[in-house]
Amino acid sequence: IGIVAAPALDELYVAQRGQGVTLNGQKIAVSGVDDIGRAYVELG
């Protein structure tokens, strides 16, 4: 189970293994980008 609340951004992510994930009740999905030349990468 994964819940991430970002209240200052008014965002709530809710996920359960095998049950999908939503952001503020709407389903979300990764970008599907397959070219590193188009990729936007965050480095912590």
Full PDB file with SEQRES, HELIX, SHEET, SSBOND, CRYST1, ORIGX, SCALE, CONECT and MASTER records, all heavy atoms in Angstrom:
SEQRES   1 A   44  ILE GLY ILE VAL ALA ALA PRO ALA LEU ASP GLU LEU TYR          
SEQRES   2 A   44  VAL ALA GLN ARG GLY GLN GLY VAL THR LEU ASN GLY GLN          
SEQRES   3 A   44  LYS ILE ALA VAL SER GLY VAL ASP ASP ILE GLY ARG ALA          
SEQRES   4 A   44  TYR VAL GLU LEU GLY                                          
HELIX    1 AA1 PRO A    7  LEU A    9  5                                   3    
HELIX    2 AA2 ILE A   36  ARG A   38  5                                   3    
SHEET    1 AA1 4 GLY A   2  ALA A   6  0                                        
SHEET    2 AA1 4 GLU A  11  GLN A  16 -1                                        
SHEET    3 AA1 4 GLY A  20  LEU A  23 -1                                        
SHEET    4 AA1 4 GLN A  26  LYS A  27 -1                                        
CRYST1    1.000    1.000    1.000  90.00  90.00  90.00 P 1           1          
ORIGX1      1.000000  0.000000  0.000000        0.00000                         
ORIGX2      0.000000  1.000000  0.000000        0.00000                         
ORIGX3      0.000000  0.000000  1.000000        0.00000                         
SCALE1      1.000000  0.000000  0.000000        0.00000                         
SCALE2      0.000000  1.000000  0.000000        0.00000                         
SCALE3      0.000000  0.000000  1.000000        0.00000                         
ATOM      1  N   ILE A   1       0.860  -1.185   0.000  1.00  0.00           N  
ATOM      2  CA  ILE A   1       0.000   0.000   0.000  1.00  0.00           C  
ATOM      3  C   ILE A   1       0.890   1.227   0.000  1.00  0.00           C  
ATOM      4  O   ILE A   1       1.889   1.290   0.719  1.00  0.00           O  
ATOM      5  CB  ILE A   1      -0.935   0.017   1.227  1.00  0.00           C  
ATOM      6  CG1 ILE A   1      -1.941  -1.132   1.163  1.00  0.00           C  
ATOM      7  CG2 ILE A   1      -1.678   1.357   1.332  1.00  0.00           C  
ATOM      8  CD1 ILE A   1      -2.741  -1.327   2.433  1.00  0.00           C  
ATOM      9  N   GLY A   2       0.545   2.209  -0.816  1.00  0.00           N  
ATOM     10  CA  GLY A   2       1.300   3.454  -0.860  1.00  0.00           C  
ATOM     11  C   GLY A   2       0.366   4.649  -0.923  1.00  0.00           C  
ATOM     12  O   GLY A   2      -0.460   4.741  -1.839  1.00  0.00           O  
ATOM     13  N   ILE A   3       0.480   5.526   0.051  1.00  0.00           N  
ATOM     14  CA  ILE A   3      -0.300   6.762   0.083  1.00  0.00           C  
ATOM     15  C   ILE A   3       0.679   7.921   0.195  1.00  0.00           C  
ATOM     16  O   ILE A   3       1.512   7.957   1.114  1.00  0.00           O  
ATOM     17  CB  ILE A   3      -1.264   6.819   1.289  1.00  0.00           C  
ATOM     18  CG1 ILE A   3      -2.065   5.514   1.426  1.00  0.00           C  
ATOM     19  CG2 ILE A   3      -2.164   8.045   1.195  1.00  0.00           C  
ATOM     20  CD1 ILE A   3      -3.064   5.261   0.336  1.00  0.00           C  
ATOM     21  N   VAL A   4       0.601   8.859  -0.718  1.00  0.00           N  
ATOM     22  CA  VAL A   4       1.417  10.073  -0.644  1.00  0.00           C  
ATOM     23  C   VAL A   4       0.478  11.266  -0.741  1.00  0.00           C  
ATOM     24  O   VAL A   4      -0.239  11.423  -1.732  1.00  0.00           O  
ATOM     25  CB  VAL A   4       2.476  10.123  -1.755  1.00  0.00           C  
ATOM     26  CG1 VAL A   4       3.116  11.519  -1.827  1.00  0.00           C  
ATOM     27  CG2 VAL A   4       3.551   9.063  -1.512  1.00  0.00           C  
ATOM     28  N   ALA A   5       0.484  12.078   0.311  1.00  0.00           N  
ATOM     29  CA  ALA A   5      -0.327  13.291   0.331  1.00  0.00           C  
ATOM     30  C   ALA A   5       0.587  14.502   0.202  1.00  0.00           C  
ATOM     31  O   ALA A   5       1.525  14.650   0.990  1.00  0.00           O  
ATOM     32  CB  ALA A   5      -1.125  13.373   1.634  1.00  0.00           C  
ATOM     33  N   ALA A   6       0.311  15.324  -0.796  1.00  0.00           N  
ATOM     34  CA  ALA A   6       1.057  16.578  -0.993  1.00  0.00           C  
ATOM     35  C   ALA A   6       0.058  17.720  -0.846  1.00  0.00           C  
ATOM     36  O   ALA A   6      -0.422  18.283  -1.838  1.00  0.00           O  
ATOM     37  CB  ALA A   6       1.725  16.599  -2.364  1.00  0.00           C  
ATOM     38  N   PRO A   7      -0.302  18.073   0.394  1.00  0.00           N  
ATOM     39  CA  PRO A   7      -1.424  18.993   0.601  1.00  0.00           C  
ATOM     40  C   PRO A   7      -1.202  20.398   0.066  1.00  0.00           C  
ATOM     41  O   PRO A   7      -2.153  21.060  -0.351  1.00  0.00           O  
ATOM     42  CB  PRO A   7      -1.597  18.987   2.127  1.00  0.00           C  
ATOM     43  CG  PRO A   7      -0.277  18.539   2.678  1.00  0.00           C  
ATOM     44  CD  PRO A   7       0.256  17.577   1.665  1.00  0.00           C  
ATOM     45  N   ALA A   8       0.043  20.879   0.077  1.00  0.00           N  
ATOM     46  CA  ALA A   8       0.298  22.218  -0.448  1.00  0.00           C  
ATOM     47  C   ALA A   8       0.130  22.267  -1.965  1.00  0.00           C  
ATOM     48  O   ALA A   8      -0.027  23.347  -2.545  1.00  0.00           O  
ATOM     49  CB  ALA A   8       1.704  22.677  -0.063  1.00  0.00           C  
ATOM     50  N   LEU A   9       0.147  21.098  -2.601  1.00  0.00           N  
ATOM     51  CA  LEU A   9      -0.092  20.989  -4.040  1.00  0.00           C  
ATOM     52  C   LEU A   9      -1.491  20.474  -4.346  1.00  0.00           C  
ATOM     53  O   LEU A   9      -1.854  20.303  -5.514  1.00  0.00           O  
ATOM     54  CB  LEU A   9       0.941  20.042  -4.677  1.00  0.00           C  
ATOM     55  CG  LEU A   9       2.409  20.428  -4.513  1.00  0.00           C  
ATOM     56  CD1 LEU A   9       3.316  19.309  -5.014  1.00  0.00           C  
ATOM     57  CD2 LEU A   9       2.713  21.726  -5.245  1.00  0.00           C  
ATOM     58  N   ASP A  10      -2.261  20.181  -3.291  1.00  0.00           N  
ATOM     59  CA  ASP A  10      -3.612  19.630  -3.419  1.00  0.00           C  
ATOM     60  C   ASP A  10      -3.609  18.321  -4.202  1.00  0.00           C  
ATOM     61  O   ASP A  10      -4.418  18.111  -5.102  1.00  0.00           O  
ATOM     62  CB  ASP A  10      -4.556  20.643  -4.085  1.00  0.00           C  
ATOM     63  CG  ASP A  10      -6.024  20.252  -3.922  1.00  0.00           C  
ATOM     64  OD1 ASP A  10      -6.350  19.553  -2.943  1.00  0.00           O  
ATOM     65  OD2 ASP A  10      -6.839  20.634  -4.792  1.00  0.00           O  
ATOM     66  N   GLU A  11      -2.689  17.413  -3.822  1.00  0.00           N  
ATOM     67  CA  GLU A  11      -2.567  16.137  -4.517  1.00  0.00           C  
ATOM     68  C   GLU A  11      -2.544  14.984  -3.526  1.00  0.00           C  
ATOM     69  O   GLU A  11      -1.889  15.059  -2.479  1.00  0.00           O  
ATOM     70  CB  GLU A  11      -1.293  16.105  -5.367  1.00  0.00           C  
ATOM     71  CG  GLU A  11      -1.331  17.088  -6.521  1.00  0.00           C  
ATOM     72  CD  GLU A  11      -0.111  17.018  -7.418  1.00  0.00           C  
ATOM     73  OE1 GLU A  11       0.905  16.412  -7.006  1.00  0.00           O  
ATOM     74  OE2 GLU A  11      -0.158  17.573  -8.518  1.00  0.00           O  
ATOM     75  N   LEU A  12      -3.258  13.910  -3.874  1.00  0.00           N  
ATOM     76  CA  LEU A  12      -3.273  12.697  -3.063  1.00  0.00           C  
ATOM     77  C   LEU A  12      -3.124  11.491  -3.982  1.00  0.00           C  
ATOM     78  O   LEU A  12      -3.970  11.243  -4.846  1.00  0.00           O  
ATOM     79  CB  LEU A  12      -4.580  12.587  -2.279  1.00  0.00           C  
ATOM     80  CG  LEU A  12      -4.719  11.341  -1.390  1.00  0.00           C  
ATOM     81  CD1 LEU A  12      -3.701  11.373  -0.254  1.00  0.00           C  
ATOM     82  CD2 LEU A  12      -6.137  11.215  -0.855  1.00  0.00           C  
ATOM     83  N   TYR A  13      -2.033  10.755  -3.792  1.00  0.00           N  
ATOM     84  CA  TYR A  13      -1.753   9.542  -4.551  1.00  0.00           C  
ATOM     85  C   TYR A  13      -2.145   8.341  -3.686  1.00  0.00           C  
ATOM     86  O   TYR A  13      -1.766   8.258  -2.520  1.00  0.00           O  
ATOM     87  CB  TYR A  13      -0.266   9.433  -4.890  1.00  0.00           C  
ATOM     88  CG  TYR A  13       0.269  10.529  -5.777  1.00  0.00           C  
ATOM     89  CD1 TYR A  13       0.629  11.765  -5.242  1.00  0.00           C  
ATOM     90  CD2 TYR A  13       0.428  10.328  -7.151  1.00  0.00           C  
ATOM     91  CE1 TYR A  13       1.133  12.771  -6.062  1.00  0.00           C  
ATOM     92  CE2 TYR A  13       0.925  11.329  -7.961  1.00  0.00           C  
ATOM     93  CZ  TYR A  13       1.280  12.544  -7.411  1.00  0.00           C  
ATOM     94  OH  TYR A  13       1.781  13.550  -8.217  1.00  0.00           O  
ATOM     95  N   VAL A  14      -2.873   7.402  -4.279  1.00  0.00           N  
ATOM     96  CA  VAL A  14      -3.344   6.219  -3.554  1.00  0.00           C  
ATOM     97  C   VAL A  14      -3.084   4.991  -4.419  1.00  0.00           C  
ATOM     98  O   VAL A  14      -3.527   4.924  -5.574  1.00  0.00           O  
ATOM     99  CB  VAL A  14      -4.851   6.310  -3.243  1.00  0.00           C  
ATOM    100  CG1 VAL A  14      -5.337   5.051  -2.534  1.00  0.00           C  
ATOM    101  CG2 VAL A  14      -5.146   7.542  -2.393  1.00  0.00           C  
ATOM    102  N   ALA A  15      -2.373   4.000  -3.854  1.00  0.00           N  
ATOM    103  CA  ALA A  15      -2.062   2.793  -4.621  1.00  0.00           C  
ATOM    104  C   ALA A  15      -2.106   1.576  -3.713  1.00  0.00           C  
ATOM    105  O   ALA A  15      -1.767   1.645  -2.533  1.00  0.00           O  
ATOM    106  CB  ALA A  15      -0.684   2.897  -5.269  1.00  0.00           C  
ATOM    107  N   GLN A  16      -2.531   0.464  -4.297  1.00  0.00           N  
ATOM    108  CA  GLN A  16      -2.461  -0.838  -3.636  1.00  0.00           C  
ATOM    109  C   GLN A  16      -1.973  -1.855  -4.649  1.00  0.00           C  
ATOM    110  O   GLN A  16      -2.380  -1.827  -5.819  1.00  0.00           O  
ATOM    111  CB  GLN A  16      -3.814  -1.265  -3.083  1.00  0.00           C  
ATOM    112  CG  GLN A  16      -3.786  -2.607  -2.358  1.00  0.00           C  
ATOM    113  CD  GLN A  16      -5.141  -2.991  -1.792  1.00  0.00           C  
ATOM    114  OE1 GLN A  16      -5.971  -2.136  -1.489  1.00  0.00           O  
ATOM    115  NE2 GLN A  16      -5.389  -4.281  -1.657  1.00  0.00           N  
ATOM    116  N   ARG A  17      -1.090  -2.715  -4.216  1.00  0.00           N  
ATOM    117  CA  ARG A  17      -0.518  -3.700  -5.121  1.00  0.00           C  
ATOM    118  C   ARG A  17      -1.617  -4.495  -5.822  1.00  0.00           C  
ATOM    119  O   ARG A  17      -2.508  -5.056  -5.190  1.00  0.00           O  
ATOM    120  CB  ARG A  17       0.393  -4.651  -4.347  1.00  0.00           C  
ATOM    121  CG  ARG A  17       1.138  -5.630  -5.230  1.00  0.00           C  
ATOM    122  CD  ARG A  17       1.947  -6.597  -4.405  1.00  0.00           C  
ATOM    123  NE  ARG A  17       2.684  -7.533  -5.241  1.00  0.00           N  
ATOM    124  CZ  ARG A  17       3.063  -8.733  -4.854  1.00  0.00           C  
ATOM    125  NH1 ARG A  17       2.789  -9.152  -3.619  1.00  0.00           N  
ATOM    126  NH2 ARG A  17       3.731  -9.515  -5.663  1.00  0.00           N  
ATOM    127  N   GLY A  18      -1.551  -4.499  -7.158  1.00  0.00           N  
ATOM    128  CA  GLY A  18      -2.519  -5.228  -7.959  1.00  0.00           C  
ATOM    129  C   GLY A  18      -3.843  -4.535  -8.154  1.00  0.00           C  
ATOM    130  O   GLY A  18      -4.712  -5.048  -8.864  1.00  0.00           O  
ATOM    131  N   GLN A  19      -4.005  -3.333  -7.554  1.00  0.00           N  
ATOM    132  CA  GLN A  19      -5.279  -2.619  -7.623  1.00  0.00           C  
ATOM    133  C   GLN A  19      -5.181  -1.288  -8.354  1.00  0.00           C  
ATOM    134  O   GLN A  19      -6.169  -0.565  -8.462  1.00  0.00           O  
ATOM    135  CB  GLN A  19      -5.812  -2.379  -6.206  1.00  0.00           C  
ATOM    136  CG  GLN A  19      -6.034  -3.626  -5.387  1.00  0.00           C  
ATOM    137  CD  GLN A  19      -7.121  -4.507  -5.953  1.00  0.00           C  
ATOM    138  OE1 GLN A  19      -8.186  -4.033  -6.334  1.00  0.00           O  
ATOM    139  NE2 GLN A  19      -6.850  -5.811  -6.029  1.00  0.00           N  
ATOM    140  N   GLY A  20      -4.002  -0.953  -8.860  1.00  0.00           N  
ATOM    141  CA  GLY A  20      -3.842   0.293  -9.591  1.00  0.00           C  
ATOM    142  C   GLY A  20      -3.520   1.470  -8.698  1.00  0.00           C  
ATOM    143  O   GLY A  20      -3.326   1.332  -7.488  1.00  0.00           O  
ATOM    144  N   VAL A  21      -3.463   2.652  -9.306  1.00  0.00           N  
ATOM    145  CA  VAL A  21      -3.071   3.869  -8.600  1.00  0.00           C  
ATOM    146  C   VAL A  21      -3.870   5.038  -9.140  1.00  0.00           C  
ATOM    147  O   VAL A  21      -4.193   5.097 -10.331  1.00  0.00           O  
ATOM    148  CB  VAL A  21      -1.555   4.135  -8.757  1.00  0.00           C  
ATOM    149  CG1 VAL A  21      -1.147   4.241 -10.215  1.00  0.00           C  
ATOM    150  CG2 VAL A  21      -1.144   5.402  -7.999  1.00  0.00           C  
ATOM    151  N   THR A  22      -4.201   5.968  -8.243  1.00  0.00           N  
ATOM    152  CA  THR A  22      -4.904   7.175  -8.655  1.00  0.00           C  
ATOM    153  C   THR A  22      -4.222   8.407  -8.085  1.00  0.00           C  
ATOM    154  O   THR A  22      -3.553   8.353  -7.055  1.00  0.00           O  
ATOM    155  CB  THR A  22      -6.364   7.173  -8.171  1.00  0.00           C  
ATOM    156  OG1 THR A  22      -6.389   7.090  -6.740  1.00  0.00           O  
ATOM    157  CG2 THR A  22      -7.143   6.014  -8.785  1.00  0.00           C  
ATOM    158  N   LEU A  23      -4.416   9.514  -8.773  1.00  0.00           N  
ATOM    159  CA  LEU A  23      -4.048  10.839  -8.285  1.00  0.00           C  
ATOM    160  C   LEU A  23      -5.336  11.644  -8.219  1.00  0.00           C  
ATOM    161  O   LEU A  23      -5.992  11.860  -9.251  1.00  0.00           O  
ATOM    162  CB  LEU A  23      -3.044  11.509  -9.223  1.00  0.00           C  
ATOM    163  CG  LEU A  23      -2.812  13.012  -9.022  1.00  0.00           C  
ATOM    164  CD1 LEU A  23      -2.379  13.331  -7.601  1.00  0.00           C  
ATOM    165  CD2 LEU A  23      -1.800  13.550 -10.032  1.00  0.00           C  
ATOM    166  N   ASN A  24      -5.733  12.030  -7.030  1.00  0.00           N  
ATOM    167  CA  ASN A  24      -7.003  12.733  -6.808  1.00  0.00           C  
ATOM    168  C   ASN A  24      -8.174  12.001  -7.470  1.00  0.00           C  
ATOM    169  O   ASN A  24      -9.057  12.604  -8.076  1.00  0.00           O  
ATOM    170  CB  ASN A  24      -6.918  14.175  -7.308  1.00  0.00           C  
ATOM    171  CG  ASN A  24      -5.953  15.014  -6.499  1.00  0.00           C  
ATOM    172  OD1 ASN A  24      -5.514  14.611  -5.420  1.00  0.00           O  
ATOM    173  ND2 ASN A  24      -5.592  16.181  -7.005  1.00  0.00           N  
ATOM    174  N   GLY A  25      -8.126  10.670  -7.366  1.00  0.00           N  
ATOM    175  CA  GLY A  25      -9.217   9.844  -7.860  1.00  0.00           C  
ATOM    176  C   GLY A  25      -9.142   9.458  -9.325  1.00  0.00           C  
ATOM    177  O   GLY A  25      -9.965   8.653  -9.797  1.00  0.00           O  
ATOM    178  N   GLN A  26      -8.162   9.978 -10.054  1.00  0.00           N  
ATOM    179  CA  GLN A  26      -8.022   9.677 -11.479  1.00  0.00           C  
ATOM    180  C   GLN A  26      -6.834   8.757 -11.705  1.00  0.00           C  
ATOM    181  O   GLN A  26      -5.760   8.969 -11.131  1.00  0.00           O  
ATOM    182  CB  GLN A  26      -7.829  10.968 -12.284  1.00  0.00           C  
ATOM    183  CG  GLN A  26      -8.960  11.968 -12.123  1.00  0.00           C  
ATOM    184  CD  GLN A  26     -10.283  11.430 -12.633  1.00  0.00           C  
ATOM    185  OE1 GLN A  26     -10.370  10.883 -13.736  1.00  0.00           O  
ATOM    186  NE2 GLN A  26     -11.337  11.582 -11.831  1.00  0.00           N  
ATOM    187  N   LYS A  27      -6.993   7.747 -12.558  1.00  0.00           N  
ATOM    188  CA  LYS A  27      -5.912   6.818 -12.834  1.00  0.00           C  
ATOM    189  C   LYS A  27      -4.752   7.539 -13.515  1.00  0.00           C  
ATOM    190  O   LYS A  27      -4.957   8.458 -14.315  1.00  0.00           O  
ATOM    191  CB  LYS A  27      -6.408   5.672 -13.721  1.00  0.00           C  
ATOM    192  CG  LYS A  27      -7.378   4.735 -13.025  1.00  0.00           C  
ATOM    193  CD  LYS A  27      -7.755   3.575 -13.926  1.00  0.00           C  
ATOM    194  CE  LYS A  27      -8.681   2.606 -13.204  1.00  0.00           C  
ATOM    195  NZ  LYS A  27      -9.080   1.460 -14.071  1.00  0.00           N  
ATOM    196  N   ILE A  28      -3.534   7.101 -13.210  1.00  0.00           N  
ATOM    197  CA  ILE A  28      -2.337   7.682 -13.810  1.00  0.00           C  
ATOM    198  C   ILE A  28      -1.444   6.572 -14.350  1.00  0.00           C  
ATOM    199  O   ILE A  28      -1.593   5.404 -13.974  1.00  0.00           O  
ATOM    200  CB  ILE A  28      -1.548   8.553 -12.820  1.00  0.00           C  
ATOM    201  CG1 ILE A  28      -1.162   7.749 -11.559  1.00  0.00           C  
ATOM    202  CG2 ILE A  28      -2.337   9.804 -12.458  1.00  0.00           C  
ATOM    203  CD1 ILE A  28      -0.272   8.509 -10.586  1.00  0.00           C  
ATOM    204  N   ALA A  29      -0.525   6.926 -15.234  1.00  0.00           N  
ATOM    205  CA  ALA A  29       0.399   5.954 -15.815  1.00  0.00           C  
ATOM    206  C   ALA A  29       1.694   6.647 -16.196  1.00  0.00           C  
ATOM    207  O   ALA A  29       1.724   7.859 -16.453  1.00  0.00           O  
ATOM    208  CB  ALA A  29      -0.223   5.296 -17.051  1.00  0.00           C  
ATOM    209  N   VAL A  30       2.777   5.866 -16.247  1.00  0.00           N  
ATOM    210  CA  VAL A  30       4.082   6.396 -16.635  1.00  0.00           C  
ATOM    211  C   VAL A  30       4.052   6.845 -18.086  1.00  0.00           C  
ATOM    212  O   VAL A  30       3.156   6.489 -18.855  1.00  0.00           O  
ATOM    213  CB  VAL A  30       5.195   5.357 -16.410  1.00  0.00           C  
ATOM    214  CG1 VAL A  30       5.310   5.016 -14.939  1.00  0.00           C  
ATOM    215  CG2 VAL A  30       4.948   4.099 -17.242  1.00  0.00           C  
ATOM    216  N   SER A  31       5.063   7.610 -18.480  1.00  0.00           N  
ATOM    217  CA  SER A  31       5.060   8.246 -19.802  1.00  0.00           C  
ATOM    218  C   SER A  31       5.235   7.263 -20.951  1.00  0.00           C  
ATOM    219  O   SER A  31       4.721   7.487 -22.044  1.00  0.00           O  
ATOM    220  CB  SER A  31       6.179   9.285 -19.873  1.00  0.00           C  
ATOM    221  OG  SER A  31       7.452   8.644 -19.851  1.00  0.00           O  
ATOM    222  N   GLY A  32       6.008   6.212 -20.748  1.00  0.00           N  
ATOM    223  CA  GLY A  32       6.302   5.295 -21.845  1.00  0.00           C  
ATOM    224  C   GLY A  32       7.423   5.761 -22.755  1.00  0.00           C  
ATOM    225  O   GLY A  32       7.674   5.135 -23.797  1.00  0.00           O  
ATOM    226  N   VAL A  33       8.132   6.833 -22.389  1.00  0.00           N  
ATOM    227  CA  VAL A  33       9.254   7.311 -23.200  1.00  0.00           C  
ATOM    228  C   VAL A  33      10.293   6.201 -23.363  1.00  0.00           C  
ATOM    229  O   VAL A  33      10.635   5.510 -22.400  1.00  0.00           O  
ATOM    230  CB  VAL A  33       9.904   8.554 -22.552  1.00  0.00           C  
ATOM    231  CG1 VAL A  33      11.265   8.848 -23.149  1.00  0.00           C  
ATOM    232  CG2 VAL A  33       8.983   9.746 -22.713  1.00  0.00           C  
ATOM    233  N   ASP A  34      10.781   6.007 -24.600  1.00  0.00           N  
ATOM    234  CA  ASP A  34      11.748   4.941 -24.856  1.00  0.00           C  
ATOM    235  C   ASP A  34      13.068   5.452 -25.425  1.00  0.00           C  
ATOM    236  O   ASP A  34      13.937   4.670 -25.801  1.00  0.00           O  
ATOM    237  CB  ASP A  34      11.157   3.896 -25.794  1.00  0.00           C  
ATOM    238  CG  ASP A  34      10.734   4.473 -27.152  1.00  0.00           C  
ATOM    239  OD1 ASP A  34      10.973   5.677 -27.393  1.00  0.00           O  
ATOM    240  OD2 ASP A  34      10.147   3.721 -27.949  1.00  0.00           O  
ATOM    241  N   ASP A  35      13.246   6.783 -25.462  1.00  0.00           N  
ATOM    242  CA  ASP A  35      14.447   7.395 -26.026  1.00  0.00           C  
ATOM    243  C   ASP A  35      15.083   8.270 -24.954  1.00  0.00           C  
ATOM    244  O   ASP A  35      14.477   9.249 -24.497  1.00  0.00           O  
ATOM    245  CB  ASP A  35      14.058   8.223 -27.256  1.00  0.00           C  
ATOM    246  CG  ASP A  35      15.235   8.939 -27.890  1.00  0.00           C  
ATOM    247  OD1 ASP A  35      16.376   8.775 -27.405  1.00  0.00           O  
ATOM    248  OD2 ASP A  35      15.002   9.686 -28.863  1.00  0.00           O  
ATOM    249  N   ILE A  36      16.295   7.917 -24.530  1.00  0.00           N  
ATOM    250  CA  ILE A  36      16.973   8.683 -23.492  1.00  0.00           C  
ATOM    251  C   ILE A  36      17.167  10.134 -23.923  1.00  0.00           C  
ATOM    252  O   ILE A  36      17.203  11.044 -23.092  1.00  0.00           O  
ATOM    253  CB  ILE A  36      18.339   8.043 -23.133  1.00  0.00           C  
ATOM    254  CG1 ILE A  36      18.940   8.681 -21.873  1.00  0.00           C  
ATOM    255  CG2 ILE A  36      19.299   8.127 -24.306  1.00  0.00           C  
ATOM    256  CD1 ILE A  36      18.232   8.368 -20.615  1.00  0.00           C  
ATOM    257  N   GLY A  37      17.211  10.375 -25.219  1.00  0.00           N  
ATOM    258  CA  GLY A  37      17.349  11.731 -25.734  1.00  0.00           C  
ATOM    259  C   GLY A  37      16.112  12.573 -25.524  1.00  0.00           C  
ATOM    260  O   GLY A  37      16.155  13.794 -25.696  1.00  0.00           O  
ATOM    261  N   ARG A  38      14.996  11.946 -25.138  1.00  0.00           N  
ATOM    262  CA  ARG A  38      13.767  12.668 -24.820  1.00  0.00           C  
ATOM    263  C   ARG A  38      13.430  12.575 -23.339  1.00  0.00           C  
ATOM    264  O   ARG A  38      12.397  13.098 -22.890  1.00  0.00           O  
ATOM    265  CB  ARG A  38      12.594  12.109 -25.631  1.00  0.00           C  
ATOM    266  CG  ARG A  38      12.687  12.340 -27.132  1.00  0.00           C  
ATOM    267  CD  ARG A  38      11.486  11.726 -27.853  1.00  0.00           C  
ATOM    268  NE  ARG A  38      10.233  12.174 -27.257  1.00  0.00           N  
ATOM    269  CZ  ARG A  38       9.248  11.354 -26.868  1.00  0.00           C  
ATOM    270  NH1 ARG A  38       9.391  10.049 -26.990  1.00  0.00           N  
ATOM    271  NH2 ARG A  38       8.138  11.840 -26.344  1.00  0.00           N  
ATOM    272  N   ALA A  39      14.275  11.920 -22.574  1.00  0.00           N  
ATOM    273  CA  ALA A  39      13.943  11.617 -21.180  1.00  0.00           C  
ATOM    274  C   ALA A  39      14.233  12.795 -20.250  1.00  0.00           C  
ATOM    275  O   ALA A  39      15.259  13.464 -20.370  1.00  0.00           O  
ATOM    276  CB  ALA A  39      14.712  10.399 -20.723  1.00  0.00           C  
ATOM    277  N   TYR A  40      13.330  12.995 -19.302  1.00  0.00           N  
ATOM    278  CA  TYR A  40      13.468  13.987 -18.243  1.00  0.00           C  
ATOM    279  C   TYR A  40      13.718  13.199 -16.957  1.00  0.00           C  
ATOM    280  O   TYR A  40      12.840  12.498 -16.469  1.00  0.00           O  
ATOM    281  CB  TYR A  40      12.189  14.798 -18.150  1.00  0.00           C  
ATOM    282  CG  TYR A  40      12.283  16.097 -17.372  1.00  0.00           C  
ATOM    283  CD1 TYR A  40      13.488  16.762 -17.198  1.00  0.00           C  
ATOM    284  CD2 TYR A  40      11.125  16.667 -16.845  1.00  0.00           C  
ATOM    285  CE1 TYR A  40      13.549  17.954 -16.505  1.00  0.00           C  
ATOM    286  CE2 TYR A  40      11.179  17.862 -16.144  1.00  0.00           C  
ATOM    287  CZ  TYR A  40      12.388  18.508 -15.981  1.00  0.00           C  
ATOM    288  OH  TYR A  40      12.437  19.686 -15.285  1.00  0.00           O  
ATOM    289  N   VAL A  41      14.924  13.293 -16.428  1.00  0.00           N  
ATOM    290  CA  VAL A  41      15.388  12.440 -15.333  1.00  0.00           C  
ATOM    291  C   VAL A  41      15.594  13.278 -14.078  1.00  0.00           C  
ATOM    292  O   VAL A  41      16.261  14.316 -14.129  1.00  0.00           O  
ATOM    293  CB  VAL A  41      16.712  11.747 -15.714  1.00  0.00           C  
ATOM    294  CG1 VAL A  41      17.210  10.867 -14.573  1.00  0.00           C  
ATOM    295  CG2 VAL A  41      16.543  10.934 -16.994  1.00  0.00           C  
ATOM    296  N   GLU A  42      15.027  12.815 -12.959  1.00  0.00           N  
ATOM    297  CA  GLU A  42      15.309  13.466 -11.688  1.00  0.00           C  
ATOM    298  C   GLU A  42      16.370  12.676 -10.943  1.00  0.00           C  
ATOM    299  O   GLU A  42      16.255  11.456 -10.796  1.00  0.00           O  
ATOM    300  CB  GLU A  42      14.061  13.589 -10.825  1.00  0.00           C  
ATOM    301  CG  GLU A  42      14.368  14.273  -9.505  1.00  0.00           C  
ATOM    302  CD  GLU A  42      13.159  14.703  -8.702  1.00  0.00           C  
ATOM    303  OE1 GLU A  42      12.026  14.472  -9.158  1.00  0.00           O  
ATOM    304  OE2 GLU A  42      13.355  15.277  -7.615  1.00  0.00           O  
ATOM    305  N   LEU A  43      17.381  13.375 -10.478  1.00  0.00           N  
ATOM    306  CA  LEU A  43      18.448  12.752  -9.696  1.00  0.00           C  
ATOM    307  C   LEU A  43      18.412  13.298  -8.276  1.00  0.00           C  
ATOM    308  O   LEU A  43      18.612  14.496  -8.053  1.00  0.00           O  
ATOM    309  CB  LEU A  43      19.816  13.028 -10.328  1.00  0.00           C  
ATOM    310  CG  LEU A  43      20.065  12.428 -11.709  1.00  0.00           C  
ATOM    311  CD1 LEU A  43      21.452  12.798 -12.202  1.00  0.00           C  
ATOM    312  CD2 LEU A  43      19.909  10.913 -11.682  1.00  0.00           C  
ATOM    313  N   GLY A  44      18.123  12.412  -7.323  1.00  0.00           N  
ATOM    314  CA  GLY A  44      18.182  12.804  -5.925  1.00  0.00           C  
ATOM    315  C   GLY A  44      19.626  12.851  -5.458  1.00  0.00           C  
ATOM    316  O   GLY A  44      20.542  12.393  -6.140  1.00  0.00           O  
TER     317      GLY A  44                                                      
MASTER        0    0    0    2    4    0    0    6  316    1    0    4          
END                                                                             
